[in-house]
Amino acid sequence: MQGANVRTVRVLAPAPVKAGPATAAAAPAPQTTVPAVPVERRMPPEGYRRAIEAHRQAARPSLADPGIAEAVERQTAAMRELSRRAFPDQPSSRTM
């Protein structure tokens, strides 16, 4: 039927299954694990390394203002100090 929409879906519970020889035979046998062989990584080709280095050199410098970054660090340190004073029972070894 063209244009017909599904309005409801009724999910039924699975039927109970009694364990017996048929279900035991259908269960897959556990597979033994094979020891993992370390992956040998080859050096990338010279052309690839040159291209990556050229990209790194041509990449635009960060647009973040160092003054703003320092201000954010100072503000974060001040907030942590205020938090430490407000909640002295909290362990101080926790870092964000």
Protein backbone atom coordinates (compact mmCIF):
# COMPACT_ATOMS: atom_id res chain seq x y z
CA MET A 1 0.00 0.00 0.00
CA GLN A 2 1.50 3.24 -1.08
CA GLY A 3 1.35 6.03 1.49
CA ALA A 4 0.61 3.67 4.40
CA ASN A 5 2.46 4.49 7.62
CA VAL A 6 3.30 2.29 10.57
CA ARG A 7 1.42 3.58 13.58
CA THR A 8 2.42 1.10 16.26
CA VAL A 9 4.96 -1.64 16.76
CA ARG A 10 4.33 -4.36 19.29
CA VAL A 11 7.48 -6.02 20.62
CA LEU A 12 6.89 -9.49 21.96
CA ALA A 13 8.97 -11.20 24.60
CA PRO A 14 11.02 -14.15 23.40
CA ALA A 15 9.46 -17.53 23.93
CA PRO A 16 10.96 -19.57 26.78
CA VAL A 17 13.38 -22.25 25.62
CA LYS A 18 14.14 -25.41 27.54
CA ALA A 19 17.80 -26.35 27.68
CA GLY A 20 18.36 -29.67 26.06
CA PRO A 21 20.69 -31.51 23.72
CA ALA A 22 19.46 -29.52 20.70
CA THR A 23 20.25 -26.13 22.28
CA ALA A 24 23.58 -27.35 23.67
CA ALA A 25 24.65 -28.54 20.22
CA ALA A 26 23.68 -25.21 18.68
CA ALA A 27 25.89 -23.23 21.05
CA PRO A 28 29.27 -22.43 19.49
CA ALA A 29 32.28 -24.04 21.04
CA PRO A 30 34.59 -21.62 22.85
CA GLN A 31 37.52 -20.67 20.67
CA THR A 32 41.01 -20.66 22.05
CA THR A 33 42.76 -17.35 21.87
CA VAL A 34 45.83 -17.15 19.72
CA PRO A 35 48.70 -15.20 21.24
CA ALA A 36 48.85 -11.76 19.68
CA VAL A 37 51.77 -11.22 17.38
CA PRO A 38 53.26 -7.76 17.69
CA VAL A 39 52.60 -5.64 14.65
CA GLU A 40 55.78 -4.73 12.87
CA ARG A 41 55.58 -1.09 11.89
CA ARG A 42 57.55 -0.08 8.88
CA MET A 43 59.05 3.36 8.50
CA PRO A 44 56.91 5.58 6.28
CA PRO A 45 58.35 6.38 2.86
CA GLU A 46 60.67 9.36 2.57
CA GLY A 47 58.18 11.28 0.42
CA TYR A 48 55.51 10.92 3.08
CA ARG A 49 57.84 12.19 5.79
CA ARG A 50 58.84 15.18 3.64
CA ALA A 51 55.19 16.00 2.97
CA ILE A 52 54.33 15.87 6.68
CA GLU A 53 57.28 18.10 7.55
CA ALA A 54 56.31 20.59 4.84
CA HIS A 55 52.76 20.64 6.18
CA ARG A 56 53.98 21.31 9.72
CA GLN A 57 56.13 24.19 8.54
CA ALA A 58 53.34 25.68 6.42
CA ALA A 59 50.67 25.29 9.09
CA ARG A 60 49.31 28.61 10.28
CA PRO A 61 50.46 29.64 13.73
CA SER A 62 47.95 29.56 16.51
CA LEU A 63 45.60 32.51 16.51
CA ALA A 64 45.23 32.41 20.28
CA ASP A 65 46.49 35.51 22.00
CA PRO A 66 49.14 34.56 24.60
CA GLY A 67 47.82 37.29 26.90
CA ILE A 68 44.36 35.76 26.84
CA ALA A 69 45.78 32.29 27.52
CA GLU A 70 47.68 33.65 30.54
CA ALA A 71 44.55 35.39 31.83
CA VAL A 72 42.58 32.16 31.51
CA GLU A 73 45.27 30.31 33.48
CA ARG A 74 45.22 32.97 36.22
CA GLN A 75 41.43 32.87 36.37
CA THR A 76 41.43 29.07 36.56
CA ALA A 77 44.00 29.12 39.38
CA ALA A 78 41.94 31.71 41.27
CA MET A 79 38.76 29.66 40.87
CA ARG A 80 40.51 26.52 42.11
CA GLU A 81 41.80 28.44 45.15
CA LEU A 82 38.29 29.73 45.91
CA SER A 83 36.93 26.22 45.52
CA ARG A 84 39.61 24.86 47.84
CA ARG A 85 38.66 27.45 50.47
CA ALA A 86 34.94 26.83 50.09
CA PHE A 87 35.31 23.04 50.28
CA PRO A 88 38.33 22.35 52.51
CA ASP A 89 37.35 18.72 53.11
CA GLN A 90 37.84 17.83 49.43
CA PRO A 91 41.14 16.13 48.55
CA SER A 92 43.53 18.65 47.01
CA SER A 93 45.28 16.06 44.84
CA ARG A 94 42.38 16.14 42.37
CA THR A 95 43.29 17.93 39.17
CA MET A 96 41.07 18.95 36.32
